[in-house]
Amino acid sequence: MKLIKADWQRQLKDDLRAGRNRPMFPKLGGSKVKVCKATLCTNNEKERCVLESINVNDSGMCTSYSE
């Protein structure tokens, strides 16, 4: 079923009224950086990235890397 803007807003309101808890905004992703091997990066603390969020380029490299 294809929803247009007014339809998904109405569906969300109906779901909330019916007690169905729907997120207001979709999640961007559940990925978390576990280990960071860029030991010279200023955002690396004991091989853990301390940034709240990171951006990666097309080749998967962190764009926030700095020494």
N, C-alpha and C. Protein backbone atom coordinates (compact mmCIF):
# COMPACT_ATOMS: atom_id res chain seq x y z
N MET A 1 0.84 -1.17 0.00
CA MET A 1 0.00 0.00 0.00
C MET A 1 0.89 1.24 0.00
N LYS A 2 0.63 2.17 -0.88
CA LYS A 2 1.39 3.40 -0.95
C LYS A 2 0.67 4.48 -0.16
N LEU A 3 1.41 5.12 0.74
CA LEU A 3 0.82 6.17 1.57
C LEU A 3 1.32 7.53 1.11
N ILE A 4 0.41 8.47 1.06
CA ILE A 4 0.83 9.85 0.82
C ILE A 4 0.90 10.56 2.17
N LYS A 5 1.43 11.76 2.17
CA LYS A 5 1.73 12.45 3.43
C LYS A 5 0.54 12.48 4.39
N ALA A 6 -0.60 12.90 3.93
CA ALA A 6 -1.76 13.00 4.82
C ALA A 6 -2.16 11.63 5.35
N ASP A 7 -2.00 10.59 4.55
CA ASP A 7 -2.37 9.24 4.99
C ASP A 7 -1.46 8.72 6.09
N TRP A 8 -0.13 8.89 5.97
CA TRP A 8 0.74 8.36 7.01
C TRP A 8 0.60 9.15 8.29
N GLN A 9 0.30 10.46 8.19
CA GLN A 9 0.09 11.24 9.40
C GLN A 9 -1.19 10.79 10.10
N ARG A 10 -2.22 10.55 9.34
CA ARG A 10 -3.48 10.07 9.91
C ARG A 10 -3.30 8.68 10.52
N GLN A 11 -2.56 7.81 9.82
CA GLN A 11 -2.31 6.46 10.33
C GLN A 11 -1.52 6.51 11.64
N LEU A 12 -0.53 7.39 11.72
CA LEU A 12 0.25 7.54 12.95
C LEU A 12 -0.64 7.99 14.10
N LYS A 13 -1.49 8.98 13.86
CA LYS A 13 -2.40 9.45 14.91
C LYS A 13 -3.35 8.34 15.34
N ASP A 14 -3.89 7.61 14.38
CA ASP A 14 -4.80 6.51 14.71
C ASP A 14 -4.09 5.44 15.53
N ASP A 15 -2.87 5.11 15.15
CA ASP A 15 -2.09 4.10 15.88
C ASP A 15 -1.81 4.55 17.30
N LEU A 16 -1.43 5.81 17.47
CA LEU A 16 -1.15 6.33 18.81
C LEU A 16 -2.40 6.31 19.68
N ARG A 17 -3.55 6.68 19.10
CA ARG A 17 -4.81 6.64 19.85
C ARG A 17 -5.16 5.20 20.26
N ALA A 18 -4.82 4.26 19.41
CA ALA A 18 -5.13 2.85 19.69
C ALA A 18 -4.11 2.21 20.62
N GLY A 19 -3.11 2.95 21.04
CA GLY A 19 -2.12 2.44 21.98
C GLY A 19 -0.93 1.77 21.32
N ARG A 20 -0.83 1.84 19.99
CA ARG A 20 0.32 1.29 19.30
C ARG A 20 1.43 2.34 19.30
N ASN A 21 2.54 2.02 19.92
CA ASN A 21 3.63 2.98 20.02
C ASN A 21 4.47 2.93 18.75
N ARG A 22 4.39 3.96 17.95
CA ARG A 22 5.15 4.05 16.71
C ARG A 22 6.17 5.17 16.87
N PRO A 23 7.38 4.98 16.39
CA PRO A 23 8.36 6.08 16.45
C PRO A 23 7.91 7.24 15.57
N MET A 24 8.11 8.44 16.06
CA MET A 24 7.72 9.62 15.30
C MET A 24 8.64 9.82 14.10
N PHE A 25 9.89 9.42 14.25
CA PHE A 25 10.86 9.55 13.18
C PHE A 25 11.59 8.22 13.04
N PRO A 26 11.85 7.79 11.84
CA PRO A 26 12.58 6.52 11.69
C PRO A 26 14.00 6.64 12.18
N LYS A 27 14.54 5.55 12.66
CA LYS A 27 15.93 5.53 13.11
C LYS A 27 16.85 5.57 11.89
N LEU A 28 17.96 6.23 12.04
CA LEU A 28 18.92 6.29 10.94
C LEU A 28 19.72 5.02 10.81
N GLY A 29 19.87 4.30 11.86
CA GLY A 29 20.64 3.06 11.82
C GLY A 29 21.04 2.65 13.22
N GLY A 30 21.31 1.40 13.39
CA GLY A 30 21.68 0.92 14.70
C GLY A 30 23.16 0.61 14.81
N SER A 31 23.94 1.10 13.88
CA SER A 31 25.36 0.78 13.89
C SER A 31 26.09 1.54 14.97
N LYS A 32 27.07 0.87 15.56
CA LYS A 32 27.93 1.51 16.54
C LYS A 32 29.36 1.13 16.23
N VAL A 33 30.25 2.07 16.41
CA VAL A 33 31.67 1.79 16.19
C VAL A 33 32.19 1.09 17.43
N LYS A 34 32.65 -0.12 17.26
CA LYS A 34 33.15 -0.89 18.40
C LYS A 34 34.64 -0.65 18.61
N VAL A 35 35.41 -0.83 17.57
CA VAL A 35 36.85 -0.69 17.67
C VAL A 35 37.33 0.26 16.59
N CYS A 36 38.18 1.19 16.97
CA CYS A 36 38.77 2.11 16.00
C CYS A 36 40.28 1.91 16.03
N LYS A 37 40.82 1.48 14.92
CA LYS A 37 42.26 1.23 14.84
C LYS A 37 43.06 2.45 14.42
N ALA A 38 42.40 3.59 14.23
CA ALA A 38 43.10 4.83 13.87
C ALA A 38 43.67 5.44 15.15
N THR A 39 44.76 4.85 15.63
CA THR A 39 45.29 5.22 16.94
C THR A 39 45.88 6.62 16.99
N LEU A 40 46.20 7.22 15.84
CA LEU A 40 46.73 8.58 15.83
C LEU A 40 45.63 9.64 15.79
N CYS A 41 44.39 9.23 15.61
CA CYS A 41 43.28 10.17 15.53
C CYS A 41 43.01 10.79 16.89
N THR A 42 42.72 12.08 16.92
CA THR A 42 42.46 12.78 18.19
C THR A 42 41.13 12.34 18.81
N ASN A 43 40.26 11.71 18.03
CA ASN A 43 38.96 11.26 18.55
C ASN A 43 39.00 9.82 19.03
N ASN A 44 40.18 9.21 19.03
CA ASN A 44 40.34 7.82 19.44
C ASN A 44 40.86 7.78 20.87
N GLU A 45 40.12 7.06 21.71
CA GLU A 45 40.54 6.89 23.11
C GLU A 45 40.57 5.40 23.43
N LYS A 46 41.75 4.84 23.53
CA LYS A 46 41.94 3.41 23.81
C LYS A 46 41.20 2.56 22.78
N GLU A 47 41.39 2.88 21.51
CA GLU A 47 40.79 2.21 20.36
C GLU A 47 39.26 2.27 20.35
N ARG A 48 38.69 3.31 20.95
CA ARG A 48 37.26 3.56 20.93
C ARG A 48 37.03 4.98 20.43
N CYS A 49 36.14 5.14 19.45
CA CYS A 49 35.82 6.47 18.94
C CYS A 49 34.96 7.19 19.98
N VAL A 50 35.33 8.42 20.31
CA VAL A 50 34.61 9.17 21.33
C VAL A 50 33.61 10.15 20.73
N LEU A 51 33.52 10.20 19.41
CA LEU A 51 32.55 11.08 18.76
C LEU A 51 31.13 10.55 18.96
N GLU A 52 30.17 11.44 19.09
CA GLU A 52 28.78 11.01 19.22
C GLU A 52 28.25 10.43 17.91
N SER A 53 28.68 11.00 16.80
CA SER A 53 28.30 10.46 15.50
C SER A 53 29.47 10.65 14.54
N ILE A 54 29.52 9.79 13.54
CA ILE A 54 30.59 9.89 12.56
C ILE A 54 30.00 9.86 11.16
N ASN A 55 30.74 10.38 10.23
CA ASN A 55 30.39 10.33 8.81
C ASN A 55 31.48 9.57 8.09
N VAL A 56 31.07 8.76 7.16
CA VAL A 56 32.03 8.01 6.36
C VAL A 56 31.86 8.39 4.90
N ASN A 57 32.96 8.34 4.17
CA ASN A 57 32.89 8.66 2.74
C ASN A 57 32.52 7.41 1.95
N ASP A 58 32.51 7.52 0.64
CA ASP A 58 32.10 6.41 -0.23
C ASP A 58 32.96 5.15 -0.07
N SER A 59 34.20 5.33 0.35
CA SER A 59 35.07 4.16 0.52
C SER A 59 35.05 3.63 1.95
N GLY A 60 34.19 4.17 2.81
CA GLY A 60 34.05 3.69 4.18
C GLY A 60 35.04 4.29 5.16
N MET A 61 35.75 5.33 4.75
CA MET A 61 36.73 5.96 5.63
C MET A 61 36.04 7.09 6.43
N CYS A 62 36.42 7.22 7.69
CA CYS A 62 35.87 8.26 8.56
C CYS A 62 36.29 9.65 8.06
N THR A 63 35.32 10.54 7.92
CA THR A 63 35.64 11.89 7.47
C THR A 63 36.00 12.81 8.64
N SER A 64 35.90 12.32 9.86
CA SER A 64 36.22 13.12 11.05
C SER A 64 37.64 12.87 11.55
N TYR A 65 38.41 12.07 10.82
CA TYR A 65 39.77 11.74 11.23
C TYR A 65 40.64 13.00 11.27
N SER A 66 41.33 13.18 12.38
CA SER A 66 42.31 14.27 12.49
C SER A 66 43.39 13.85 13.47
N GLU A 67 44.60 14.30 13.21
CA GLU A 67 45.73 13.94 14.09
C GLU A 67 46.07 15.10 15.00
